[in-house]
Amino acid sequence: MTFNPHAIYINCDGAMDYDSKNTGGVGYVITFPEFIELDAISESVGRYIGANIERLELQAIIQSMEEVLRLSKVHYSELRKATHIIITTDRFALQDWKIRSN
């Protein structure tokens, strides 16, 4: 995949422990194009009980998009300059992702 310097990138993932309660969590990293002066956002939440891995993967996407929508209300004039939002999931371990500074 070619890097798009005009896109907002969302990398997200879900993970679960296959214990008696099926506990799990989600995480995401949102990075912005260099011309948008916002710091990258990293969030990890481990609060799900009785989940399955498919639900967690989808929940990670939903939570990250909700964060982008929340930010778009506050930083509309900056974020509207981005041309794409590119979402990837299950491509890397979140703890291995290095947040790019703007």
Protein backbone atom coordinates (compact mmCIF):
# COMPACT_ATOMS: atom_id res chain seq x y z
CA MET A 1 0.00 0.00 0.00
CA THR A 2 1.31 3.44 -0.93
CA PHE A 3 1.44 6.12 1.78
CA ASN A 4 -0.98 9.00 1.18
CA PRO A 5 0.43 12.26 2.68
CA HIS A 6 -3.05 13.86 2.57
CA ALA A 7 -4.88 11.15 4.54
CA ILE A 8 -5.81 10.65 8.15
CA TYR A 9 -4.65 7.17 9.14
CA ILE A 10 -6.46 5.04 11.69
CA ASN A 11 -4.78 1.83 12.82
CA CYS A 12 -6.95 -0.22 15.14
CA ASP A 13 -7.24 -3.66 16.64
CA GLY A 14 -9.23 -5.76 19.06
CA ALA A 15 -7.80 -8.38 21.39
CA MET A 16 -9.29 -10.79 23.84
CA ASP A 17 -8.34 -13.31 26.47
CA TYR A 18 -10.11 -16.58 26.02
CA ASP A 19 -10.81 -16.85 29.73
CA SER A 20 -14.07 -17.82 31.42
CA LYS A 21 -15.49 -14.31 30.91
CA ASN A 22 -14.14 -13.70 27.38
CA THR A 23 -12.61 -10.39 28.44
CA GLY A 24 -11.04 -8.16 25.86
CA GLY A 25 -10.23 -4.69 24.71
CA VAL A 26 -9.70 -2.42 21.75
CA GLY A 27 -7.14 0.13 20.74
CA TYR A 28 -6.41 2.59 17.98
CA VAL A 29 -3.87 5.13 16.80
CA ILE A 30 -4.97 8.10 14.71
CA THR A 31 -2.31 10.04 12.81
CA PHE A 32 -2.83 13.18 10.81
CA PRO A 33 -1.11 14.55 7.70
CA GLU A 34 1.88 16.74 8.43
CA PHE A 35 0.03 19.87 7.29
CA ILE A 36 -2.58 19.37 10.03
CA GLU A 37 -1.11 20.53 13.30
CA LEU A 38 -2.68 17.94 15.57
CA ASP A 39 -0.81 15.39 17.63
CA ALA A 40 -1.41 11.72 17.01
CA ILE A 41 -4.01 10.12 19.27
CA SER A 42 -3.52 6.74 20.88
CA GLU A 43 -6.22 5.00 22.90
CA SER A 44 -6.48 1.57 24.45
CA VAL A 45 -9.53 0.34 26.34
CA GLY A 46 -9.83 -3.09 27.94
CA ARG A 47 -13.32 -3.26 29.36
CA TYR A 48 -15.31 -5.79 27.38
CA ILE A 49 -16.72 -8.94 28.98
CA GLY A 50 -18.57 -11.61 27.03
CA ALA A 51 -17.26 -10.40 23.71
CA ASN A 52 -16.01 -12.25 20.69
CA ILE A 53 -13.03 -11.22 18.59
CA GLU A 54 -15.18 -10.08 15.67
CA ARG A 55 -17.12 -7.70 17.90
CA LEU A 56 -13.89 -6.31 19.33
CA GLU A 57 -12.39 -5.73 15.88
CA LEU A 58 -15.51 -3.84 14.80
CA GLN A 59 -15.70 -1.94 18.08
CA ALA A 60 -12.14 -0.69 17.55
CA ILE A 61 -13.14 0.73 14.17
CA ILE A 62 -16.32 2.29 15.59
CA GLN A 63 -14.54 3.92 18.55
CA SER A 64 -11.79 5.36 16.36
CA MET A 65 -14.30 6.79 13.88
CA GLU A 66 -16.32 8.29 16.75
CA GLU A 67 -13.11 10.02 17.88
CA VAL A 68 -12.51 11.41 14.37
CA LEU A 69 -16.10 12.67 14.26
CA ARG A 70 -15.69 14.28 17.68
CA LEU A 71 -12.47 15.96 16.54
CA SER A 72 -14.08 17.14 13.31
CA LYS A 73 -16.53 19.22 15.32
CA VAL A 74 -13.71 20.93 17.18
CA HIS A 75 -11.12 21.15 14.36
CA TYR A 76 -13.36 21.33 11.31
CA SER A 77 -11.32 23.85 9.32
CA GLU A 78 -8.11 21.85 9.77
CA LEU A 79 -9.49 18.34 9.23
CA ARG A 80 -11.46 19.24 6.12
CA LYS A 81 -8.11 19.64 4.34
CA ALA A 82 -7.51 15.88 4.57
CA THR A 83 -8.54 14.03 1.42
CA HIS A 84 -9.04 10.52 2.82
CA ILE A 85 -9.43 8.51 5.97
CA ILE A 86 -7.60 5.19 5.72
CA ILE A 87 -8.46 2.52 8.27
CA THR A 88 -6.35 -0.57 8.85
CA THR A 89 -6.94 -3.30 11.36
CA ASP A 90 -5.04 -6.47 12.27
CA ARG A 91 -1.95 -5.26 10.48
CA PHE A 92 0.31 -4.65 13.47
CA ALA A 93 0.47 -4.85 17.23
CA LEU A 94 -0.55 -1.51 18.78
CA GLN A 95 2.33 -1.65 21.26
CA ASP A 96 4.74 -1.77 18.29
CA TRP A 97 3.31 1.29 16.54
CA LYS A 98 5.46 4.39 16.81
CA ILE A 99 3.36 7.53 16.82
CA ARG A 100 4.56 9.99 14.21
CA SER A 101 4.85 13.52 15.54
CA ASN A 102 3.65 16.41 13.41
